[in-house]
Amino acid sequence: MSDRARSAIVTGGSKGIGKGIARGFANAGYRVLVVSRNGAEADAVAAEIGGGASGFAADVATSEGVRAMAEAAVDRFGGIDALCANAGIFPAAKLGEMTEADFDHVIGVNLKGTFLSVSAVLPAMKAQRAGRIVLTSSITGPITGYPGWSHYGASKAGQLGFMRTAAIELAPFGITVNAVMPGNIMTEGLDGLGQDYLDKMAASIPMKRLGSVDDIAGAALYFASDAAGYVTGQTIVVDGGQVLPESLGALEAMEG
């Protein structure tokens, strides 16, 4: 690696988990390209996290958008050391009510967007014979399910299938591909749901609290670090133990 500061692209970086990841990488010394469909929001987050961060407006569901994103990172930072493919949407719709357009939209952003984002950064990463790709998947889909999110779950499980083959193909170029699988994380998206709702969510988690965006940023930073240089095609579940109990009885037994 050259003497320049390390750089990272964070898609979906203007809010929630993406904003937390962007802040975590900036605090770790990375120059971060904060990517969002809303350029003003991306610029605001870049200004907030500092460290030479820069905002960029792009739709990850389009090849034109991600190509411009990658070009901007190279122009501004001199290369791309890490991609955090975090952009995702999760509109609820149960089967029988979900339309073809609903399904295509979620798959287009969450799964196709992952493929397009990864493809866009490959020229820069291959040229430097190094790179870290970190996907934001979820426990929903690969491990658990939730009514109304069959399309979301399919997209998140699909990311992991994509990851495993991508990790094999890109290993000869010094590029690793891994995924963080968040559980219930406290973000501004949960604002307005009420304390009772949040308490019920926390009650299903052995650690009895929702996670923070910093918890996810820490896992992403590990995958991007030198310490994870020999780790590829792997996942980290960050959920406070949510997927572990086999029944409500197991949670009740904790109190005994």
Protein backbone atom coordinates (compact mmCIF):
# COMPACT_ATOMS: atom_id res chain seq x y z
CA MET A 1 0.00 0.00 0.00
CA SER A 2 1.19 3.53 -0.78
CA ASP A 3 1.78 6.29 1.74
CA ARG A 4 -1.65 7.80 1.12
CA ALA A 5 -4.32 7.51 3.80
CA ARG A 6 -6.56 4.50 3.46
CA SER A 7 -9.89 5.14 1.81
CA ALA A 8 -13.30 3.53 2.12
CA ILE A 9 -16.61 3.78 0.30
CA VAL A 10 -19.71 3.36 2.47
CA THR A 11 -22.96 3.00 0.54
CA GLY A 12 -26.17 3.88 2.31
CA GLY A 13 -23.91 6.01 4.46
CA SER A 14 -26.21 8.93 5.27
CA LYS A 15 -28.16 7.33 8.10
CA GLY A 16 -28.51 4.39 10.44
CA ILE A 17 -25.94 1.60 10.30
CA GLY A 18 -24.24 3.13 7.27
CA LYS A 19 -23.66 6.42 9.05
CA GLY A 20 -22.24 4.52 12.01
CA ILE A 21 -19.88 2.58 9.74
CA ALA A 22 -18.79 5.78 7.99
CA ARG A 23 -18.06 7.44 11.33
CA GLY A 24 -16.19 4.38 12.58
CA PHE A 25 -13.94 4.28 9.53
CA ALA A 26 -13.31 8.03 9.71
CA ASN A 27 -12.35 7.70 13.36
CA ALA A 28 -9.95 4.91 12.39
CA GLY A 29 -8.14 7.22 9.97
CA TYR A 30 -9.86 6.32 6.70
CA ARG A 31 -10.91 8.94 4.19
CA VAL A 32 -14.53 8.00 3.59
CA LEU A 33 -16.76 8.49 0.57
CA VAL A 34 -20.25 8.69 2.08
CA VAL A 35 -22.67 7.51 -0.61
CA SER A 36 -26.41 8.11 -0.58
CA ARG A 37 -29.15 8.69 -3.10
CA ASN A 38 -29.54 12.08 -1.39
CA GLY A 39 -26.41 14.10 -2.04
CA ALA A 40 -27.20 16.78 0.53
CA GLU A 41 -27.55 14.15 3.26
CA ALA A 42 -24.29 12.50 2.19
CA ASP A 43 -22.48 15.84 2.29
CA ALA A 44 -23.90 16.59 5.75
CA VAL A 45 -22.66 13.29 7.16
CA ALA A 46 -19.24 13.76 5.54
CA ALA A 47 -18.95 17.19 7.16
CA GLU A 48 -20.05 15.76 10.51
CA ILE A 49 -17.60 12.85 10.63
CA GLY A 50 -14.65 14.86 9.26
CA GLY A 51 -11.32 13.25 8.53
CA GLY A 52 -11.36 14.30 4.91
CA ALA A 53 -14.67 12.52 4.28
CA SER A 54 -16.60 13.42 1.16
CA GLY A 55 -20.23 12.99 0.13
CA PHE A 56 -21.45 11.53 -3.14
CA ALA A 57 -24.92 10.97 -4.61
CA ALA A 58 -25.47 7.63 -6.34
CA ASP A 59 -28.14 5.00 -6.83
CA VAL A 60 -26.43 1.66 -6.21
CA ALA A 61 -29.11 -0.13 -8.22
CA THR A 62 -27.68 1.36 -11.42
CA SER A 63 -24.37 0.56 -13.06
CA GLU A 64 -23.95 4.23 -13.99
CA GLY A 65 -24.33 5.30 -10.37
CA VAL A 66 -21.78 2.89 -8.92
CA ARG A 67 -19.31 3.48 -11.74
CA ALA A 68 -19.38 7.21 -10.99
CA MET A 69 -19.06 6.41 -7.28
CA ALA A 70 -15.90 4.37 -7.79
CA GLU A 71 -14.40 6.99 -10.11
CA ALA A 72 -15.07 9.70 -7.52
CA ALA A 73 -13.30 7.69 -4.81
CA VAL A 74 -10.23 7.19 -6.98
CA ASP A 75 -10.17 10.84 -8.06
CA ARG A 76 -10.57 12.20 -4.54
CA PHE A 77 -8.59 9.66 -2.53
CA GLY A 78 -6.17 8.09 -4.99
CA GLY A 79 -7.59 4.58 -4.65
CA ILE A 80 -10.15 2.38 -2.93
CA ASP A 81 -9.00 0.26 -0.01
CA ALA A 82 -12.38 -0.78 1.37
CA LEU A 83 -15.96 -1.01 0.18
CA CYS A 84 -18.72 -1.28 2.75
CA ALA A 85 -21.72 -2.33 0.67
CA ASN A 86 -24.36 -1.29 3.16
CA ALA A 87 -27.16 0.29 1.11
CA GLY A 88 -30.45 -1.49 1.68
CA ILE A 89 -34.19 -0.97 1.90
CA PHE A 90 -36.79 -2.89 3.87
CA PRO A 91 -40.38 -1.92 3.01
CA ALA A 92 -42.78 -4.44 4.53
CA ALA A 93 -45.25 -6.36 2.36
CA LYS A 94 -46.74 -9.78 3.08
CA LEU A 95 -47.14 -12.44 0.43
CA GLY A 96 -50.43 -12.04 -1.39
CA GLU A 97 -50.08 -8.28 -1.09
CA MET A 98 -46.50 -7.92 -2.31
CA THR A 99 -46.33 -6.92 -5.96
CA GLU A 100 -43.75 -7.89 -8.53
CA ALA A 101 -42.53 -4.30 -8.45
CA ASP A 102 -42.14 -4.47 -4.65
CA PHE A 103 -40.03 -7.61 -4.94
CA ASP A 104 -37.90 -6.27 -7.78
CA HIS A 105 -37.23 -3.01 -5.97
CA VAL A 106 -35.87 -4.70 -2.83
CA ILE A 107 -33.80 -7.23 -4.77
CA GLY A 108 -32.56 -4.47 -7.08
CA VAL A 109 -31.21 -2.29 -4.29
CA ASN A 110 -30.11 -4.91 -1.76
CA LEU A 111 -28.76 -7.74 -3.90
CA LYS A 112 -28.18 -6.33 -7.37
CA GLY A 113 -26.81 -3.19 -5.71
CA THR A 114 -24.26 -5.32 -3.88
CA PHE A 115 -23.15 -6.97 -7.11
CA LEU A 116 -22.91 -3.65 -8.95
CA SER A 117 -21.02 -1.92 -6.12
CA VAL A 118 -18.50 -4.74 -5.86
CA SER A 119 -18.05 -4.85 -9.63
CA ALA A 120 -17.44 -1.09 -9.76
CA VAL A 121 -14.54 -1.11 -7.27
CA LEU A 122 -12.74 -4.10 -8.76
CA PRO A 123 -10.58 -2.23 -11.29
CA ALA A 124 -9.07 -0.04 -8.56
CA MET A 125 -8.64 -2.89 -6.08
CA LYS A 126 -7.16 -5.25 -8.65
CA ALA A 127 -4.71 -2.57 -9.77
CA GLN A 128 -3.36 -2.25 -6.24
CA ARG A 129 -3.58 -6.02 -5.61
CA ALA A 130 -5.44 -5.43 -2.35
CA GLY A 131 -8.88 -4.61 -1.07
CA ARG A 132 -11.46 -5.26 1.61
CA ILE A 133 -15.13 -5.72 0.77
CA VAL A 134 -17.59 -5.82 3.66
CA LEU A 135 -21.27 -6.54 3.03
CA THR A 136 -24.03 -5.59 5.45
CA SER A 137 -26.32 -8.61 5.43
CA SER A 138 -28.73 -9.42 8.28
CA ILE A 139 -29.86 -12.22 10.55
CA THR A 140 -33.22 -11.87 8.74
CA GLY A 141 -33.13 -14.22 5.77
CA PRO A 142 -29.94 -16.20 6.39
CA ILE A 143 -31.00 -17.29 9.92
CA THR A 144 -34.39 -15.88 10.89
CA GLY A 145 -37.59 -14.72 9.25
CA TYR A 146 -40.12 -11.97 9.90
CA PRO A 147 -43.60 -11.51 8.38
CA GLY A 148 -43.58 -8.94 5.59
CA TRP A 149 -39.91 -9.31 4.81
CA SER A 150 -39.70 -12.33 2.52
CA HIS A 151 -38.19 -10.19 -0.26
CA TYR A 152 -35.77 -8.55 2.18
CA GLY A 153 -34.81 -11.93 3.65
CA ALA A 154 -34.21 -13.33 0.18
CA SER A 155 -31.95 -10.40 -0.67
CA LYS A 156 -29.90 -10.78 2.51
CA ALA A 157 -29.50 -14.54 2.10
CA GLY A 158 -28.57 -13.91 -1.52
CA GLN A 159 -25.79 -11.58 -0.46
CA LEU A 160 -24.12 -14.44 1.40
CA GLY A 161 -24.33 -16.76 -1.59
CA PHE A 162 -22.78 -14.03 -3.71
CA MET A 163 -20.10 -13.42 -1.08
CA ARG A 164 -18.81 -17.00 -0.98
CA THR A 165 -18.11 -17.26 -4.69
CA ALA A 166 -16.87 -13.67 -4.91
CA ALA A 167 -14.38 -14.45 -2.13
CA ILE A 168 -12.97 -17.34 -4.15
CA GLU A 169 -12.75 -15.38 -7.38
CA LEU A 170 -11.11 -12.32 -5.82
CA ALA A 171 -8.67 -14.05 -3.45
CA PRO A 172 -5.85 -14.18 -6.05
CA PHE A 173 -5.95 -10.37 -6.20
CA GLY A 174 -5.54 -9.90 -2.46
CA ILE A 175 -9.19 -8.87 -2.10
CA THR A 176 -11.26 -10.27 0.76
CA VAL A 177 -15.07 -10.40 0.88
CA ASN A 178 -16.89 -10.83 4.19
CA ALA A 179 -20.25 -9.93 5.72
CA VAL A 180 -21.62 -8.50 8.95
CA MET A 181 -25.04 -9.80 9.97
CA PRO A 182 -26.76 -7.34 12.30
CA GLY A 183 -29.63 -8.18 14.60
CA ASN A 184 -31.87 -5.47 16.05
CA ILE A 185 -29.86 -2.25 15.99
CA MET A 186 -31.03 1.05 17.44
CA THR A 187 -31.20 3.59 14.63
CA GLU A 188 -33.28 6.65 13.83
CA GLY A 189 -35.51 4.34 11.80
CA LEU A 190 -36.94 3.08 15.10
CA ASP A 191 -37.79 6.57 16.35
CA GLY A 192 -41.47 6.98 16.98
CA LEU A 193 -42.21 3.29 17.54
CA GLY A 194 -42.58 3.84 21.26
CA GLN A 195 -40.81 2.50 24.31
CA ASP A 196 -43.15 -0.49 24.68
CA TYR A 197 -42.18 -1.68 21.18
CA LEU A 198 -38.48 -1.23 21.88
CA ASP A 199 -38.82 -3.07 25.20
CA LYS A 200 -40.47 -6.02 23.44
CA MET A 201 -37.64 -6.14 20.92
CA ALA A 202 -35.03 -6.08 23.68
CA ALA A 203 -36.87 -8.82 25.60
CA SER A 204 -36.07 -11.34 22.83
CA ILE A 205 -32.33 -10.67 23.11
CA PRO A 206 -30.27 -12.45 25.80
CA MET A 207 -28.24 -9.28 26.38
CA LYS A 208 -31.56 -7.45 26.94
CA ARG A 209 -30.73 -4.47 24.79
CA LEU A 210 -30.68 -3.43 21.18
CA GLY A 211 -27.32 -3.09 19.49
CA SER A 212 -25.73 0.20 18.47
CA VAL A 213 -24.44 1.27 15.09
CA ASP A 214 -20.99 1.31 16.68
CA ASP A 215 -21.30 -2.44 17.30
CA ILE A 216 -21.70 -2.99 13.55
CA ALA A 217 -18.95 -0.51 12.68
CA GLY A 218 -16.55 -2.43 14.91
CA ALA A 219 -17.20 -5.68 13.07
CA ALA A 220 -16.82 -3.97 9.69
CA LEU A 221 -13.55 -2.40 10.79
CA TYR A 222 -12.23 -5.80 11.83
CA PHE A 223 -12.92 -7.23 8.38
CA ALA A 224 -11.19 -4.22 6.80
CA SER A 225 -8.17 -4.43 9.09
CA ASP A 226 -4.77 -6.03 8.61
CA ALA A 227 -5.76 -8.48 11.37
CA ALA A 228 -8.34 -9.97 9.00
CA GLY A 229 -5.99 -10.29 6.06
CA TYR A 230 -6.39 -14.09 6.00
CA VAL A 231 -10.17 -14.04 6.55
CA THR A 232 -12.47 -14.19 3.52
CA GLY A 233 -15.92 -15.53 2.71
CA GLN A 234 -16.95 -15.35 6.37
CA THR A 235 -19.73 -13.80 8.43
CA ILE A 236 -20.01 -12.25 11.87
CA VAL A 237 -23.41 -12.20 13.59
CA VAL A 238 -23.78 -9.09 15.76
CA ASP A 239 -27.08 -9.55 17.56
CA GLY A 240 -26.55 -9.77 21.33
CA GLY A 241 -27.29 -13.49 21.15
CA GLN A 242 -30.74 -13.04 19.63
CA VAL A 243 -30.57 -16.13 17.40
CA LEU A 244 -29.37 -18.44 20.19
CA PRO A 245 -32.46 -19.28 22.32
CA GLU A 246 -34.40 -22.27 21.02
CA SER A 247 -37.63 -21.02 22.61
CA LEU A 248 -39.09 -18.37 24.90
CA GLY A 249 -38.51 -20.89 27.66
CA ALA A 250 -34.77 -20.55 27.16
CA LEU A 251 -35.02 -16.82 27.80
CA GLU A 252 -37.22 -17.40 30.85
CA ALA A 253 -34.69 -19.89 32.21
CA MET A 254 -32.08 -17.12 32.22
CA GLU A 255 -34.02 -15.49 35.02
CA GLY A 256 -34.07 -18.69 37.04
